[in-house]
Protein backbone atom coordinates (compact mmCIF):
# COMPACT_ATOMS: atom_id res chain seq x y z
CA MET A 1 0.38 -55.02 -11.47
CA LYS A 2 3.05 -52.52 -12.62
CA ASP A 3 0.14 -49.73 -13.69
CA LEU A 4 -1.00 -50.01 -10.17
CA LEU A 5 2.57 -49.85 -8.43
CA THR A 6 3.38 -46.91 -10.34
CA SER A 7 -0.04 -45.53 -9.62
CA ALA A 8 0.46 -45.68 -5.95
CA LEU A 9 4.23 -44.21 -6.24
CA SER A 10 2.62 -41.28 -7.84
CA GLU A 11 0.14 -40.53 -4.93
CA VAL A 12 2.82 -40.88 -2.24
CA ASP A 13 2.64 -37.54 -0.31
CA ALA A 14 6.50 -36.91 0.51
CA SER A 15 6.26 -33.14 0.85
CA HIS A 16 7.75 -33.32 4.17
CA LEU A 17 10.80 -34.58 2.49
CA ASP A 18 10.72 -31.94 -0.15
CA VAL A 19 10.47 -34.91 -2.78
CA LEU A 20 8.22 -33.83 -5.69
CA SER A 21 6.84 -36.26 -8.53
CA TRP A 22 7.42 -35.93 -11.99
CA ASP A 23 3.97 -34.36 -12.14
CA GLN A 24 4.20 -32.32 -8.87
CA TRP A 25 7.53 -31.10 -10.48
CA LEU A 26 5.82 -29.98 -13.75
CA ALA A 27 2.67 -28.63 -12.06
CA LYS A 28 5.02 -26.28 -9.94
CA ASP A 29 4.94 -22.84 -10.88
CA PHE A 30 7.88 -20.96 -10.11
CA GLY A 31 7.09 -17.73 -11.85
CA ALA A 32 9.30 -15.47 -14.03
CA PRO A 33 12.90 -14.86 -12.80
CA ASP A 34 13.50 -12.22 -10.32
CA TRP A 35 16.23 -10.30 -12.07
CA LEU A 36 18.73 -8.24 -10.16
CA ILE A 37 20.51 -7.72 -13.50
CA PRO A 38 18.85 -9.21 -16.29
CA GLY A 39 20.07 -12.14 -17.94
CA LEU A 40 23.00 -12.46 -15.53
CA LEU A 41 21.94 -12.36 -11.89
CA GLU A 42 18.55 -13.51 -10.28
CA ARG A 43 17.23 -13.60 -6.44
CA GLY A 44 18.74 -16.87 -4.94
CA ALA A 45 21.66 -16.91 -7.28
CA GLY A 46 25.34 -17.40 -6.45
CA GLY A 47 28.32 -15.56 -8.22
CA MET A 48 32.00 -15.03 -8.22
CA ILE A 49 34.13 -11.99 -9.19
CA HIS A 50 37.76 -12.64 -9.58
CA GLY A 51 40.82 -10.96 -10.73
CA GLY A 52 44.28 -10.11 -10.03
CA SER A 53 45.62 -7.06 -7.26
CA ARG A 54 44.26 -3.67 -8.31
CA SER A 55 41.78 -4.91 -11.00
CA TYR A 56 39.10 -2.64 -9.35
CA LYS A 57 37.12 -5.55 -8.01
CA SER A 58 35.91 -3.70 -4.95
CA PHE A 59 34.81 -0.56 -7.18
CA LEU A 60 32.80 -2.47 -9.36
CA CYS A 61 31.30 -4.14 -6.51
CA LEU A 62 30.48 -0.99 -4.66
CA GLN A 63 29.00 0.64 -8.27
CA LEU A 64 26.97 -2.62 -8.80
CA CYS A 65 25.43 -2.43 -5.18
CA LEU A 66 24.91 1.68 -5.44
CA ASP A 67 23.24 1.20 -8.99
CA LEU A 68 20.77 -1.40 -7.86
CA ALA A 69 19.89 0.29 -4.88
CA ALA A 70 19.05 3.47 -6.84
CA GLY A 71 17.32 1.53 -9.12
CA ARG A 72 19.46 2.46 -12.26
CA SER A 73 20.84 0.58 -15.40
CA VAL A 74 23.90 -1.47 -13.69
CA LEU A 75 27.16 -0.15 -14.82
CA GLY A 76 25.05 1.64 -17.76
CA LEU A 77 24.91 -1.92 -19.44
CA PHE A 78 21.67 -3.45 -18.27
CA GLU A 79 17.97 -2.66 -18.19
CA ARG A 80 17.16 -0.72 -14.96
CA GLN A 81 15.17 -2.31 -12.61
CA PRO A 82 13.36 -1.07 -9.14
CA PRO A 83 15.63 -0.32 -6.27
CA ARG A 84 17.06 -3.18 -4.74
CA ARG A 85 18.58 -3.76 -1.05
CA THR A 86 22.08 -4.22 -1.22
CA PHE A 87 24.44 -5.12 1.77
CA MET A 88 28.48 -5.46 1.12
CA LEU A 89 30.89 -6.90 3.26
CA GLN A 90 33.90 -5.26 3.02
CA ALA A 91 37.74 -5.84 4.58
CA GLU A 92 40.10 -4.26 2.16
CA GLY A 93 42.18 -1.17 3.28
CA THR A 94 40.94 1.00 6.23
CA PRO A 95 37.54 1.98 6.84
CA ARG A 96 38.36 5.60 6.31
CA ALA A 97 39.61 4.60 3.05
CA TRP A 98 36.26 2.74 2.65
CA ARG A 99 34.44 6.05 3.36
CA SER A 100 36.58 7.89 0.64
CA ARG A 101 35.58 5.72 -2.00
CA MET A 102 31.83 6.21 -1.13
CA SER A 103 32.28 10.03 -0.57
CA ALA A 104 33.67 10.32 -4.07
CA LEU A 105 30.41 9.02 -5.01
CA ARG A 106 28.11 11.34 -2.95
CA GLY A 107 27.34 13.51 -6.08
CA THR A 108 26.18 10.46 -7.87
CA TYR A 109 23.69 8.78 -6.21
CA PRO A 110 20.83 10.36 -4.11
CA ALA A 111 20.51 10.16 -0.23
CA GLY A 112 18.55 7.58 1.83
CA ILE A 113 19.14 4.53 -0.76
CA PRO A 114 19.19 1.17 0.24
CA PHE A 115 22.56 0.49 0.59
CA TRP A 116 24.07 -0.73 3.62
CA SER A 117 27.99 -2.02 4.32
CA ARG A 118 30.02 -3.15 6.89
CA HIS A 119 34.13 -2.81 7.02
CA THR A 120 36.04 -5.53 9.13
CA SER A 121 39.13 -7.45 8.83
CA VAL A 122 38.44 -9.71 11.71
CA GLU A 123 35.29 -11.39 11.18
CA LYS A 124 35.27 -15.16 10.22
CA LEU A 125 32.34 -16.15 8.34
CA ASP A 126 32.69 -19.56 8.30
CA THR A 127 32.44 -19.97 11.78
CA PRO A 128 29.42 -20.44 14.01
CA GLY A 129 29.76 -17.07 15.47
CA GLY A 130 30.46 -15.33 11.97
CA ASP A 131 27.57 -17.07 10.50
CA ARG A 132 25.00 -16.40 13.26
CA ARG A 133 26.28 -12.59 13.17
CA VAL A 134 25.95 -12.24 9.25
CA ARG A 135 22.06 -14.48 9.57
CA ASP A 136 20.99 -11.26 12.20
CA VAL A 137 22.17 -8.94 9.79
CA LEU A 138 20.26 -10.31 6.86
CA THR A 139 17.15 -10.56 9.27
CA LEU A 140 17.46 -7.18 9.77
CA LEU A 141 17.88 -5.80 6.46
CA THR A 142 16.36 -8.71 4.41
CA PRO A 143 18.73 -7.43 1.42
CA ASP A 144 18.19 -8.51 -2.29
CA LEU A 145 21.90 -8.85 -2.76
CA VAL A 146 25.16 -9.67 -0.21
CA VAL A 147 28.39 -9.18 -1.71
CA VAL A 148 31.63 -10.47 0.25
CA ASP A 149 34.95 -8.88 -0.62
CA PRO A 150 37.34 -10.42 -0.77
CA ILE A 151 36.54 -13.95 0.73
CA ALA A 152 40.16 -14.29 2.22
CA ASP A 153 39.66 -12.04 4.68
CA PHE A 154 36.22 -13.75 5.93
CA PHE A 155 37.46 -17.21 5.86
CA GLU A 156 39.12 -19.22 8.50
CA GLY A 157 40.10 -21.86 6.59
CA ALA A 158 42.45 -22.37 3.51
CA ASP A 159 41.16 -21.84 0.14
CA THR A 160 43.07 -24.82 -1.25
CA ASP A 161 40.91 -27.26 1.35
CA GLN A 162 38.10 -29.07 -0.10
CA VAL A 163 36.42 -29.66 3.14
CA ALA A 164 37.02 -26.34 4.32
CA ILE A 165 35.56 -24.68 1.18
CA GLN A 166 32.59 -26.81 1.34
CA ARG A 167 31.74 -26.06 4.73
CA TRP A 168 31.77 -22.42 3.71
CA LEU A 169 29.65 -22.84 0.64
CA ARG A 170 27.07 -24.51 2.89
CA GLY A 171 26.98 -21.41 4.92
CA VAL A 172 26.63 -19.41 1.85
CA ASN A 173 24.06 -21.50 0.36
CA GLY A 174 22.16 -21.40 3.81
CA TRP A 175 21.96 -17.49 3.31
CA LYS A 176 20.73 -18.05 -0.05
CA THR A 177 17.86 -20.50 0.83
CA ASP A 178 16.85 -19.00 3.99
CA PHE A 179 16.81 -15.10 2.71
CA GLY A 180 16.29 -15.42 -0.69
CA CYS A 181 18.85 -13.37 -1.64
CA ALA A 182 21.63 -13.56 -4.48
CA VAL A 183 25.33 -13.76 -3.06
CA LEU A 184 28.43 -12.30 -4.85
CA LEU A 185 31.77 -13.67 -3.43
CA VAL A 186 35.17 -11.43 -4.43
CA HIS A 187 38.14 -13.55 -4.65
CA HIS A 188 41.75 -13.28 -6.13
CA ASP A 189 43.02 -15.16 -8.91
CA ARG A 190 45.89 -17.77 -8.40
CA GLN A 191 49.52 -16.94 -9.75
CA PRO A 192 49.80 -17.66 -13.68
CA ILE A 193 50.04 -21.04 -15.00
CA ILE A 194 53.36 -20.85 -17.47
CA MET A 195 54.12 -24.08 -19.31
CA PRO A 196 56.24 -24.57 -22.50
CA VAL A 197 54.39 -24.80 -25.72
CA ARG A 198 56.38 -25.76 -28.72
CA GLY A 199 59.30 -24.78 -26.95
CA GLU A 200 58.33 -21.27 -25.93
CA LEU A 201 56.64 -20.59 -22.12
CA GLN A 202 53.67 -19.04 -22.44
CA THR A 203 50.88 -18.05 -19.91
CA ILE A 204 48.16 -20.61 -20.02
CA ASN A 205 44.42 -19.67 -19.91
CA ALA A 206 42.71 -21.19 -17.15
CA GLY A 207 39.39 -19.85 -17.70
CA ILE A 208 36.91 -20.01 -14.66
CA HIS A 209 39.84 -22.17 -13.16
CA GLU A 210 41.86 -18.76 -12.61
CA THR A 211 40.43 -18.53 -9.31
CA ARG A 212 42.68 -19.07 -6.55
CA GLY A 213 42.05 -22.14 -4.49
CA ASN A 214 39.89 -25.01 -4.59
CA THR A 215 37.73 -25.69 -7.90
CA ARG A 216 34.55 -26.13 -5.89
CA LEU A 217 34.39 -22.30 -5.97
CA PRO A 218 33.98 -21.83 -9.50
CA ALA A 219 31.95 -24.93 -10.06
CA TRP A 220 29.66 -23.46 -7.14
CA SER A 221 28.69 -20.20 -8.95
CA ASP A 222 25.97 -19.49 -11.15
CA VAL A 223 27.89 -16.43 -12.64
CA HIS A 224 31.63 -16.32 -12.84
CA ILE A 225 32.97 -12.91 -13.97
CA ALA A 226 36.95 -12.19 -14.57
CA MET A 227 38.52 -8.62 -14.19
CA ARG A 228 41.58 -7.88 -16.18
CA ARG A 229 43.46 -4.52 -15.97
CA ARG A 230 45.74 -3.20 -18.73
CA GLY A 231 47.26 0.68 -17.85
CA ASP A 232 43.83 2.19 -16.87
CA VAL A 233 41.53 0.14 -18.53
CA THR A 234 39.67 -2.52 -17.04
CA THR A 235 38.03 -5.43 -18.75
CA ILE A 236 35.13 -7.54 -17.30
CA ILE A 237 34.81 -11.01 -18.79
CA VAL A 238 31.45 -12.96 -18.09
CA GLN A 239 33.44 -16.27 -18.32
CA LYS A 240 30.29 -18.32 -17.28
CA VAL A 241 26.52 -17.65 -16.85
CA ARG A 242 24.15 -21.03 -16.12
CA ASP A 243 21.60 -21.34 -18.49
CA GLY A 244 22.86 -18.08 -20.34
CA VAL A 245 25.06 -16.38 -22.58
CA ASP A 246 29.02 -16.74 -21.76
CA GLY A 247 31.75 -14.87 -23.01
CA GLN A 248 30.59 -11.15 -23.07
CA GLU A 249 33.17 -8.43 -22.15
CA TYR A 250 32.97 -4.75 -21.35
CA SER A 251 35.83 -2.28 -20.71
CA PHE A 252 35.78 0.58 -18.31
CA ARG A 253 38.05 3.25 -17.20
CA LEU A 254 38.02 4.50 -13.29
CA LYS A 255 37.43 7.94 -13.05
CA ASP A 256 36.60 9.99 -10.18
CA GLY A 257 36.04 6.90 -8.44
CA ARG A 258 33.41 5.37 -10.83
CA LEU A 259 33.81 3.08 -13.62
CA THR A 260 32.92 4.53 -17.15
CA LEU A 261 31.93 2.24 -19.62
CA LEU A 262 34.22 2.41 -22.90
CA ALA A 263 32.60 -0.62 -24.77
CA ARG A 264 29.12 -1.79 -24.65
CA GLY A 265 29.35 -4.96 -26.34
CA ASP A 266 25.85 -6.24 -27.49
CA ALA A 267 24.17 -5.35 -23.97
CA ILE A 268 22.27 -2.43 -25.57
CA GLY A 269 21.64 -4.41 -28.74
CA ALA A 270 19.68 -6.86 -26.64
CA SER A 271 17.79 -3.72 -25.08
CA VAL A 272 16.71 -2.77 -28.42
CA LEU A 273 15.64 -6.09 -29.71
CA ALA A 274 13.47 -6.60 -26.40
CA CYS A 275 11.66 -3.48 -26.87
CA LEU A 276 10.38 -5.09 -30.03
CA GLU A 277 7.79 -7.87 -30.12
CA PRO A 278 7.76 -9.85 -33.07
CA GLY A 279 5.80 -8.84 -35.97
CA GLU A 280 5.38 -5.35 -34.34
CA GLU A 281 6.70 -2.27 -36.00
CA LEU A 282 7.58 1.14 -34.06
CA TRP A 283 8.96 4.55 -35.43
CA VAL A 284 12.35 4.69 -35.15
CA SER A 285 12.29 7.74 -32.76
CA ASP A 286 9.73 5.66 -30.53
CA LEU A 287 11.92 2.80 -30.16
CA ILE A 288 15.23 5.05 -29.31
CA LYS A 289 13.24 6.48 -26.76
CA LYS A 290 11.72 3.40 -25.11
CA VAL A 291 15.41 1.81 -25.30
CA ARG A 292 16.83 5.19 -23.46
CA GLU A 293 14.09 4.68 -20.87
CA ARG A 294 14.96 1.31 -20.39
CA THR A 295 18.67 1.55 -20.16
CA GLU A 296 19.51 5.15 -19.66
CA VAL A 297 21.85 5.44 -22.51
CA SER A 298 22.17 8.48 -24.94
CA GLU A 299 20.38 8.93 -27.66
CA ARG A 300 23.45 8.54 -29.87
CA THR A 301 24.28 5.41 -28.26
CA ALA A 302 20.86 4.00 -28.85
CA ARG A 303 20.50 5.08 -32.71
CA ARG A 304 24.19 3.54 -32.90
CA SER A 305 23.07 0.17 -31.75
CA LEU A 306 20.13 0.19 -33.93
CA ASP A 307 22.01 0.88 -36.88
CA LYS A 308 24.35 -2.00 -35.90
CA LEU A 309 21.20 -4.34 -35.52
CA ILE A 310 20.19 -3.23 -38.90
CA ALA A 311 23.62 -3.77 -40.66
CA ASP A 312 23.37 -7.06 -39.37
CA SER A 313 20.10 -7.88 -40.68
CA TYR A 314 18.40 -8.39 -37.42
CA LEU A 315 16.14 -5.59 -38.01
CA VAL A 316 14.74 -3.97 -41.20
CA LEU A 317 13.43 -0.68 -41.89
CA VAL A 318 9.83 -0.09 -43.32
CA LYS A 319 9.52 3.35 -45.12
CA VAL A 320 6.03 5.21 -44.49
CA GLY A 321 5.96 8.11 -46.56
CA ALA A 322 9.30 10.33 -45.72
CA ARG A 323 9.45 8.33 -42.06
CA PHE A 324 10.96 5.20 -41.29
CA LYS A 325 9.52 2.16 -38.65
CA VAL A 326 11.20 -0.50 -37.62
CA LYS A 327 10.74 -4.31 -37.16
CA ARG A 328 12.41 -7.65 -36.48
CA LYS A 329 13.53 -9.42 -39.39
CA GLU A 330 11.16 -12.43 -40.11
CA GLN A 331 12.84 -15.76 -39.45
CA ALA A 332 13.00 -18.45 -42.34
């Protein structure tokens, strides 16, 4: 009787309810992730970028959108992908100031790339009218990435109100589901948490909960990125990547309206490893060329990353006559 019941339940057609059985889920093929930023952000995902005032959040988002639209290595860190369609809702400053930021980059990016933006300080996207207008834009542009900067200017409710935040996120999830786009929300930090620790006042690192407002915001995000500025150097900290690697840090300096990378972390090293299949051997010069094609880094940077992987025993050199090939170290 139990076997008959199990068999009957497994044959129930609940597809109209979006309910799949164990076997149906295992048989479902979603294909490979459609990465916008490899290993960090894929289509249909949601992310947050947060930081204090003047930590260059808007500069980062603009550059990220333009790199994706131009089919370039994002921020000089991640493997370049085919050009993507990007759309940015911007509210800070004035339209004139926003145009000036884009004008500063006119010589860096080609004309005609698929990037659009709208500057407004009165639109509230968590209202029926605001959501409808966004959906009209998404239907027209079909972007791969939508950036809202900052959400405080596009949000009618209080960011401490759990119900209001949930209503806002329900609308954002609708954009992701119905249009297949990734969404990045930009938000400010809360005031620093200062508490007595062993008789001294110390600033507490709250991690992803440094984000201002209700805790549903950081819990919602698949990717959570903090920005910290000290002097003229801004550090990007990847605090959370769902099913990925947390804790990546990269430092930049703003120059001529563009964030210039100062420290590359392990991103280039990961690209070097990705160019080598297990058991494959490549000439050092060919591997460096392959890495440069993927990441647009200089030959010196690619070679430095390769040398570090060899020094750390991830890769080994194989001498062939007077030249060298390189391969992954065999796992014990």
